Amino acid sequence: MPHAVVGIVLVAHGLITTMIGFGSMTNPTSAAMPAPSWLAWWPGTLGRSWAFDALNLGSGPAMIGGLLWLVAGLALVGAGVGWLGVSVVSDQWQLLALVGAMLGLAALALYFHPFYIIAIVIDIVILVSVWGRVVAAR
């Protein structure tokens, strides 16, 4: 895969993750997005945490969940721009990618929806790709 494509995918994945977090933090009690009719079999809703909703925890944990999305996304954006050679983060892109993917998977577990399967795959690929490098560097 061309070098620039990897950086663009990391940045795009990070921006999407950041937008989810921003939305969750700025409006934690917003109504969930309705699922399309072909997805009516799925019990959860898009944009709401199944765990927080099942436990009736209110908006505080929802804002923490949003912060989790936000930090994961910003780390992934940092990893992408570091991969692309921006000197401020170029030495730390692997650690940022690892942290972003791990936090992203935690957020995906709390907010799981079938639409997020592609994000899970991307985060797992990131983890597998950088884990050995980060561990070896420490």
N, C-alpha and C. Protein backbone atom coordinates (compact mmCIF):
# COMPACT_ATOMS: atom_id res chain seq x y z
N MET A 1 0.85 -1.18 0.00
CA MET A 1 0.00 0.00 0.00
C MET A 1 0.89 1.24 0.00
N PRO A 2 0.61 2.20 -0.85
CA PRO A 2 1.43 3.42 -0.89
C PRO A 2 1.46 4.15 0.46
N HIS A 3 2.60 4.73 0.72
CA HIS A 3 2.84 5.42 1.99
C HIS A 3 1.75 6.45 2.31
N ALA A 4 1.41 7.29 1.37
CA ALA A 4 0.43 8.35 1.60
C ALA A 4 -0.95 7.78 1.91
N VAL A 5 -1.31 6.66 1.30
CA VAL A 5 -2.63 6.07 1.53
C VAL A 5 -2.76 5.63 2.98
N VAL A 6 -1.73 5.04 3.55
CA VAL A 6 -1.76 4.62 4.95
C VAL A 6 -1.97 5.83 5.85
N GLY A 7 -1.24 6.91 5.61
CA GLY A 7 -1.40 8.12 6.40
C GLY A 7 -2.79 8.71 6.28
N ILE A 8 -3.32 8.72 5.07
CA ILE A 8 -4.66 9.27 4.85
C ILE A 8 -5.72 8.41 5.55
N VAL A 9 -5.57 7.09 5.50
CA VAL A 9 -6.51 6.21 6.20
C VAL A 9 -6.45 6.44 7.71
N LEU A 10 -5.24 6.57 8.25
CA LEU A 10 -5.11 6.84 9.69
C LEU A 10 -5.77 8.18 10.06
N VAL A 11 -5.52 9.20 9.28
CA VAL A 11 -6.11 10.51 9.57
C VAL A 11 -7.64 10.46 9.42
N ALA A 12 -8.14 9.84 8.37
CA ALA A 12 -9.59 9.76 8.15
C ALA A 12 -10.26 8.97 9.27
N HIS A 13 -9.68 7.85 9.64
CA HIS A 13 -10.23 7.04 10.73
C HIS A 13 -10.22 7.84 12.03
N GLY A 14 -9.14 8.56 12.26
CA GLY A 14 -9.06 9.40 13.45
C GLY A 14 -10.07 10.54 13.45
N LEU A 15 -10.28 11.17 12.30
CA LEU A 15 -11.26 12.26 12.23
C LEU A 15 -12.68 11.75 12.48
N ILE A 16 -13.02 10.60 11.91
CA ILE A 16 -14.35 10.03 12.15
C ILE A 16 -14.52 9.71 13.63
N THR A 17 -13.50 9.10 14.22
CA THR A 17 -13.55 8.76 15.64
C THR A 17 -13.67 10.02 16.49
N THR A 18 -12.93 11.05 16.13
CA THR A 18 -13.00 12.33 16.86
C THR A 18 -14.39 12.94 16.76
N MET A 19 -15.00 12.90 15.57
CA MET A 19 -16.34 13.46 15.41
C MET A 19 -17.37 12.72 16.25
N ILE A 20 -17.23 11.40 16.35
CA ILE A 20 -18.14 10.63 17.21
C ILE A 20 -17.98 11.09 18.65
N GLY A 21 -16.74 11.25 19.09
CA GLY A 21 -16.48 11.70 20.45
C GLY A 21 -16.99 13.10 20.71
N PHE A 22 -16.78 13.99 19.76
CA PHE A 22 -17.26 15.37 19.92
C PHE A 22 -18.77 15.40 20.06
N GLY A 23 -19.45 14.62 19.24
CA GLY A 23 -20.91 14.55 19.32
C GLY A 23 -21.39 13.98 20.64
N SER A 24 -20.70 12.96 21.12
CA SER A 24 -21.09 12.34 22.39
C SER A 24 -20.83 13.27 23.57
N MET A 25 -19.79 14.06 23.48
CA MET A 25 -19.46 14.96 24.60
C MET A 25 -20.34 16.21 24.61
N THR A 26 -20.67 16.73 23.46
CA THR A 26 -21.44 17.97 23.43
C THR A 26 -22.93 17.75 23.63
N ASN A 27 -23.42 16.55 23.35
CA ASN A 27 -24.84 16.27 23.53
C ASN A 27 -25.02 14.82 23.99
N PRO A 28 -24.63 14.52 25.23
CA PRO A 28 -24.64 13.13 25.69
C PRO A 28 -26.03 12.52 25.86
N THR A 29 -27.05 13.34 25.92
CA THR A 29 -28.40 12.81 26.09
C THR A 29 -29.20 12.84 24.79
N SER A 30 -28.53 13.04 23.68
CA SER A 30 -29.25 13.10 22.40
C SER A 30 -29.87 11.75 22.07
N ALA A 31 -30.91 11.82 21.29
CA ALA A 31 -31.59 10.60 20.86
C ALA A 31 -30.67 9.81 19.93
N ALA A 32 -30.82 8.52 19.99
CA ALA A 32 -30.02 7.66 19.13
C ALA A 32 -30.48 7.78 17.69
N MET A 33 -29.57 7.49 16.77
CA MET A 33 -29.93 7.50 15.36
C MET A 33 -30.79 6.27 15.08
N PRO A 34 -31.87 6.44 14.34
CA PRO A 34 -32.69 5.26 14.03
C PRO A 34 -31.95 4.33 13.08
N ALA A 35 -32.10 3.06 13.32
CA ALA A 35 -31.47 2.06 12.45
C ALA A 35 -32.34 1.84 11.22
N PRO A 36 -31.75 1.51 10.11
CA PRO A 36 -32.55 1.20 8.93
C PRO A 36 -33.38 -0.07 9.17
N SER A 37 -34.43 -0.23 8.44
CA SER A 37 -35.35 -1.35 8.67
C SER A 37 -34.67 -2.71 8.53
N TRP A 38 -33.69 -2.81 7.63
CA TRP A 38 -33.02 -4.10 7.45
C TRP A 38 -32.13 -4.46 8.63
N LEU A 39 -31.93 -3.52 9.56
CA LEU A 39 -31.12 -3.77 10.74
C LEU A 39 -31.98 -3.83 12.00
N ALA A 40 -33.27 -4.04 11.83
CA ALA A 40 -34.20 -4.06 12.96
C ALA A 40 -33.92 -5.21 13.92
N TRP A 41 -33.24 -6.24 13.48
CA TRP A 41 -32.91 -7.38 14.34
C TRP A 41 -31.91 -7.01 15.43
N TRP A 42 -31.14 -5.91 15.24
CA TRP A 42 -30.13 -5.53 16.21
C TRP A 42 -30.79 -4.79 17.37
N PRO A 43 -30.54 -5.23 18.62
CA PRO A 43 -31.24 -4.62 19.77
C PRO A 43 -30.74 -3.23 20.16
N GLY A 44 -29.52 -2.88 19.81
CA GLY A 44 -28.96 -1.60 20.23
C GLY A 44 -29.21 -0.50 19.23
N THR A 45 -28.85 0.71 19.63
CA THR A 45 -29.04 1.87 18.77
C THR A 45 -27.68 2.47 18.41
N LEU A 46 -27.63 3.12 17.28
CA LEU A 46 -26.40 3.74 16.81
C LEU A 46 -26.20 5.07 17.53
N GLY A 47 -25.02 5.25 18.10
CA GLY A 47 -24.71 6.50 18.77
C GLY A 47 -24.96 6.50 20.26
N ARG A 48 -25.41 5.39 20.79
CA ARG A 48 -25.65 5.29 22.23
C ARG A 48 -24.92 4.06 22.76
N SER A 49 -24.41 4.15 23.97
CA SER A 49 -23.72 3.02 24.57
C SER A 49 -24.72 2.02 25.12
N TRP A 50 -24.61 0.79 24.66
CA TRP A 50 -25.50 -0.24 25.18
C TRP A 50 -25.25 -0.44 26.68
N ALA A 51 -24.01 -0.32 27.12
CA ALA A 51 -23.68 -0.54 28.53
C ALA A 51 -24.23 0.59 29.40
N PHE A 52 -23.99 1.81 29.00
CA PHE A 52 -24.47 2.95 29.79
C PHE A 52 -25.99 3.02 29.82
N ASP A 53 -26.63 2.73 28.69
CA ASP A 53 -28.09 2.76 28.63
C ASP A 53 -28.70 1.63 29.46
N ALA A 54 -28.11 0.44 29.41
CA ALA A 54 -28.65 -0.70 30.16
C ALA A 54 -28.55 -0.46 31.67
N LEU A 55 -27.53 0.25 32.09
CA LEU A 55 -27.34 0.52 33.52
C LEU A 55 -27.99 1.83 33.97
N ASN A 56 -28.61 2.56 33.02
CA ASN A 56 -29.26 3.85 33.32
C ASN A 56 -28.33 4.78 34.08
N LEU A 57 -27.13 4.97 33.54
CA LEU A 57 -26.12 5.76 34.23
C LEU A 57 -26.21 7.26 33.96
N GLY A 58 -26.99 7.68 32.99
CA GLY A 58 -27.15 9.10 32.74
C GLY A 58 -26.07 9.69 31.84
N SER A 59 -25.97 11.02 31.90
CA SER A 59 -25.10 11.72 30.96
C SER A 59 -23.62 11.75 31.37
N GLY A 60 -23.31 11.59 32.65
CA GLY A 60 -21.91 11.63 33.09
C GLY A 60 -21.06 10.56 32.42
N PRO A 61 -21.44 9.30 32.52
CA PRO A 61 -20.68 8.25 31.83
C PRO A 61 -20.70 8.41 30.31
N ALA A 62 -21.79 8.94 29.78
CA ALA A 62 -21.86 9.16 28.33
C ALA A 62 -20.81 10.19 27.91
N MET A 63 -20.59 11.21 28.74
CA MET A 63 -19.55 12.19 28.42
C MET A 63 -18.15 11.56 28.54
N ILE A 64 -17.96 10.67 29.51
CA ILE A 64 -16.68 9.97 29.62
C ILE A 64 -16.47 9.08 28.40
N GLY A 65 -17.54 8.43 27.95
CA GLY A 65 -17.45 7.64 26.73
C GLY A 65 -17.09 8.50 25.54
N GLY A 66 -17.68 9.69 25.47
CA GLY A 66 -17.34 10.62 24.40
C GLY A 66 -15.89 11.05 24.46
N LEU A 67 -15.38 11.25 25.68
CA LEU A 67 -13.97 11.62 25.85
C LEU A 67 -13.07 10.48 25.37
N LEU A 68 -13.47 9.25 25.63
CA LEU A 68 -12.72 8.09 25.16
C LEU A 68 -12.63 8.09 23.63
N TRP A 69 -13.76 8.33 22.96
CA TRP A 69 -13.77 8.44 21.49
C TRP A 69 -12.85 9.57 21.04
N LEU A 70 -12.97 10.72 21.71
CA LEU A 70 -12.23 11.91 21.31
C LEU A 70 -10.72 11.71 21.43
N VAL A 71 -10.26 11.16 22.54
CA VAL A 71 -8.82 10.94 22.73
C VAL A 71 -8.31 9.90 21.73
N ALA A 72 -9.10 8.84 21.51
CA ALA A 72 -8.71 7.83 20.53
C ALA A 72 -8.56 8.45 19.15
N GLY A 73 -9.52 9.27 18.77
CA GLY A 73 -9.47 9.90 17.45
C GLY A 73 -8.30 10.85 17.29
N LEU A 74 -8.04 11.66 18.31
CA LEU A 74 -6.92 12.59 18.22
C LEU A 74 -5.59 11.85 18.16
N ALA A 75 -5.48 10.74 18.89
CA ALA A 75 -4.25 9.94 18.81
C ALA A 75 -4.08 9.36 17.41
N LEU A 76 -5.16 8.91 16.80
CA LEU A 76 -5.08 8.35 15.45
C LEU A 76 -4.75 9.42 14.41
N VAL A 77 -5.30 10.61 14.58
CA VAL A 77 -4.95 11.71 13.68
C VAL A 77 -3.46 12.03 13.84
N GLY A 78 -3.00 12.10 15.08
CA GLY A 78 -1.58 12.34 15.33
C GLY A 78 -0.70 11.26 14.71
N ALA A 79 -1.15 10.01 14.80
CA ALA A 79 -0.39 8.92 14.19
C ALA A 79 -0.34 9.08 12.67
N GLY A 80 -1.46 9.47 12.09
CA GLY A 80 -1.51 9.65 10.63
C GLY A 80 -0.61 10.77 10.15
N VAL A 81 -0.65 11.90 10.83
CA VAL A 81 0.21 13.00 10.38
C VAL A 81 1.68 12.69 10.69
N GLY A 82 1.93 11.95 11.77
CA GLY A 82 3.30 11.51 12.05
C GLY A 82 3.80 10.55 10.98
N TRP A 83 2.95 9.63 10.56
CA TRP A 83 3.30 8.70 9.47
C TRP A 83 3.63 9.47 8.20
N LEU A 84 2.90 10.56 7.96
CA LEU A 84 3.12 11.36 6.76
C LEU A 84 4.34 12.27 6.87
N GLY A 85 5.00 12.29 8.05
CA GLY A 85 6.26 12.99 8.17
C GLY A 85 6.23 14.33 8.88
N VAL A 86 5.12 14.70 9.49
CA VAL A 86 5.08 15.96 10.24
C VAL A 86 6.01 15.81 11.43
N SER A 87 7.01 16.65 11.49
CA SER A 87 8.13 16.45 12.42
C SER A 87 7.73 16.46 13.89
N VAL A 88 6.68 17.18 14.25
CA VAL A 88 6.29 17.27 15.66
C VAL A 88 5.93 15.89 16.22
N VAL A 89 5.32 15.04 15.42
CA VAL A 89 4.87 13.73 15.90
C VAL A 89 5.47 12.55 15.13
N SER A 90 6.38 12.81 14.22
CA SER A 90 6.90 11.73 13.38
C SER A 90 7.63 10.65 14.17
N ASP A 91 8.24 11.02 15.29
CA ASP A 91 8.94 10.03 16.10
C ASP A 91 7.99 9.22 16.99
N GLN A 92 6.78 9.72 17.18
CA GLN A 92 5.83 9.08 18.10
C GLN A 92 4.63 8.46 17.40
N TRP A 93 4.62 8.39 16.08
CA TRP A 93 3.43 7.94 15.37
C TRP A 93 3.02 6.52 15.76
N GLN A 94 3.98 5.64 16.03
CA GLN A 94 3.63 4.26 16.38
C GLN A 94 2.95 4.17 17.74
N LEU A 95 3.46 4.90 18.70
CA LEU A 95 2.84 4.92 20.02
C LEU A 95 1.45 5.54 19.95
N LEU A 96 1.33 6.64 19.20
CA LEU A 96 0.02 7.26 19.03
C LEU A 96 -0.97 6.31 18.35
N ALA A 97 -0.51 5.58 17.35
CA ALA A 97 -1.37 4.62 16.66
C ALA A 97 -1.81 3.51 17.62
N LEU A 98 -0.89 3.02 18.43
CA LEU A 98 -1.21 1.97 19.38
C LEU A 98 -2.23 2.45 20.42
N VAL A 99 -1.98 3.61 20.99
CA VAL A 99 -2.91 4.16 21.99
C VAL A 99 -4.27 4.45 21.36
N GLY A 100 -4.27 5.05 20.18
CA GLY A 100 -5.53 5.36 19.51
C GLY A 100 -6.33 4.12 19.18
N ALA A 101 -5.67 3.08 18.70
CA ALA A 101 -6.37 1.84 18.36
C ALA A 101 -6.90 1.15 19.61
N MET A 102 -6.12 1.13 20.69
CA MET A 102 -6.58 0.48 21.92
C MET A 102 -7.76 1.23 22.52
N LEU A 103 -7.67 2.56 22.59
CA LEU A 103 -8.80 3.34 23.11
C LEU A 103 -10.01 3.24 22.19
N GLY A 104 -9.75 3.21 20.89
CA GLY A 104 -10.83 3.06 19.93
C GLY A 104 -11.57 1.74 20.09
N LEU A 105 -10.82 0.67 20.32
CA LEU A 105 -11.47 -0.63 20.56
C LEU A 105 -12.28 -0.63 21.85
N ALA A 106 -11.78 0.06 22.87
CA ALA A 106 -12.55 0.17 24.12
C ALA A 106 -13.86 0.93 23.88
N ALA A 107 -13.78 2.02 23.12
CA ALA A 107 -14.99 2.78 22.81
C ALA A 107 -15.95 1.95 21.96
N LEU A 108 -15.41 1.22 21.01
CA LEU A 108 -16.24 0.37 20.16
C LEU A 108 -16.92 -0.73 20.97
N ALA A 109 -16.26 -1.24 21.99
CA ALA A 109 -16.89 -2.24 22.84
C ALA A 109 -18.05 -1.65 23.63
N LEU A 110 -17.88 -0.42 24.09
CA LEU A 110 -18.96 0.24 24.85
C LEU A 110 -20.12 0.68 23.97
N TYR A 111 -19.85 1.01 22.73
CA TYR A 111 -20.86 1.55 21.83
C TYR A 111 -21.12 0.62 20.65
N PHE A 112 -20.89 -0.67 20.81
CA PHE A 112 -20.92 -1.57 19.67
C PHE A 112 -22.22 -1.49 18.88
N HIS A 113 -22.05 -1.47 17.58
CA HIS A 113 -23.14 -1.52 16.61
C HIS A 113 -22.56 -2.19 15.37
N PRO A 114 -23.35 -2.97 14.64
CA PRO A 114 -22.81 -3.62 13.44
C PRO A 114 -22.17 -2.66 12.43
N PHE A 115 -22.60 -1.42 12.40
CA PHE A 115 -21.99 -0.44 11.49
C PHE A 115 -20.52 -0.19 11.83
N TYR A 116 -20.12 -0.49 13.05
CA TYR A 116 -18.75 -0.22 13.49
C TYR A 116 -17.77 -1.35 13.19
N ILE A 117 -18.21 -2.39 12.52
CA ILE A 117 -17.33 -3.54 12.25
C ILE A 117 -16.09 -3.11 11.47
N ILE A 118 -16.24 -2.22 10.51
CA ILE A 118 -15.07 -1.76 9.74
C ILE A 118 -14.07 -1.04 10.65
N ALA A 119 -14.57 -0.28 11.61
CA ALA A 119 -13.68 0.41 12.55
C ALA A 119 -12.93 -0.59 13.42
N ILE A 120 -13.61 -1.66 13.81
CA ILE A 120 -12.96 -2.70 14.61
C ILE A 120 -11.83 -3.33 13.80
N VAL A 121 -12.11 -3.64 12.54
CA VAL A 121 -11.09 -4.24 11.68
C VAL A 121 -9.89 -3.30 11.53
N ILE A 122 -10.16 -2.02 11.28
CA ILE A 122 -9.07 -1.04 11.12
C ILE A 122 -8.23 -0.96 12.39
N ASP A 123 -8.89 -0.89 13.56
CA ASP A 123 -8.14 -0.79 14.82
C ASP A 123 -7.32 -2.05 15.09
N ILE A 124 -7.85 -3.21 14.76
CA ILE A 124 -7.09 -4.45 14.96
C ILE A 124 -5.89 -4.48 14.02
N VAL A 125 -6.06 -4.06 12.78
CA VAL A 125 -4.94 -4.01 11.84
C VAL A 125 -3.86 -3.06 12.35
N ILE A 126 -4.27 -1.92 12.89
CA ILE A 126 -3.30 -0.97 13.45
C ILE A 126 -2.55 -1.62 14.62
N LEU A 127 -3.29 -2.26 15.52
CA LEU A 127 -2.65 -2.91 16.67
C LEU A 127 -1.63 -3.96 16.23
N VAL A 128 -2.04 -4.81 15.33
CA VAL A 128 -1.15 -5.87 14.86
C VAL A 128 0.08 -5.28 14.16
N SER A 129 -0.13 -4.20 13.44
CA SER A 129 0.97 -3.60 12.67
C SER A 129 2.01 -2.91 13.55
N VAL A 130 1.59 -2.29 14.62
CA VAL A 130 2.54 -1.49 15.40
C VAL A 130 2.92 -2.08 16.75
N TRP A 131 2.20 -3.09 17.22
CA TRP A 131 2.47 -3.64 18.56
C TRP A 131 3.93 -4.04 18.72
N GLY A 132 4.43 -4.86 17.82
CA GLY A 132 5.81 -5.34 17.93
C GLY A 132 6.83 -4.22 17.89
N ARG A 133 6.59 -3.22 17.07
CA ARG A 133 7.51 -2.09 16.97
C ARG A 133 7.56 -1.28 18.25
N VAL A 134 6.38 -1.06 18.84
CA VAL A 134 6.32 -0.26 20.07
C VAL A 134 6.95 -1.02 21.22
N VAL A 135 6.63 -2.30 21.33
CA VAL A 135 7.19 -3.11 22.42
C VAL A 135 8.70 -3.23 22.27
N ALA A 136 9.19 -3.43 21.06
CA ALA A 136 10.64 -3.55 20.83
C ALA A 136 11.36 -2.25 21.14
N ALA A 137 10.70 -1.12 20.92
CA ALA A 137 11.33 0.18 21.14
C ALA A 137 11.40 0.53 22.64
N ARG A 138 10.62 -0.13 23.44
CA ARG A 138 10.59 0.20 24.88
C ARG A 138 11.61 -0.58 25.60
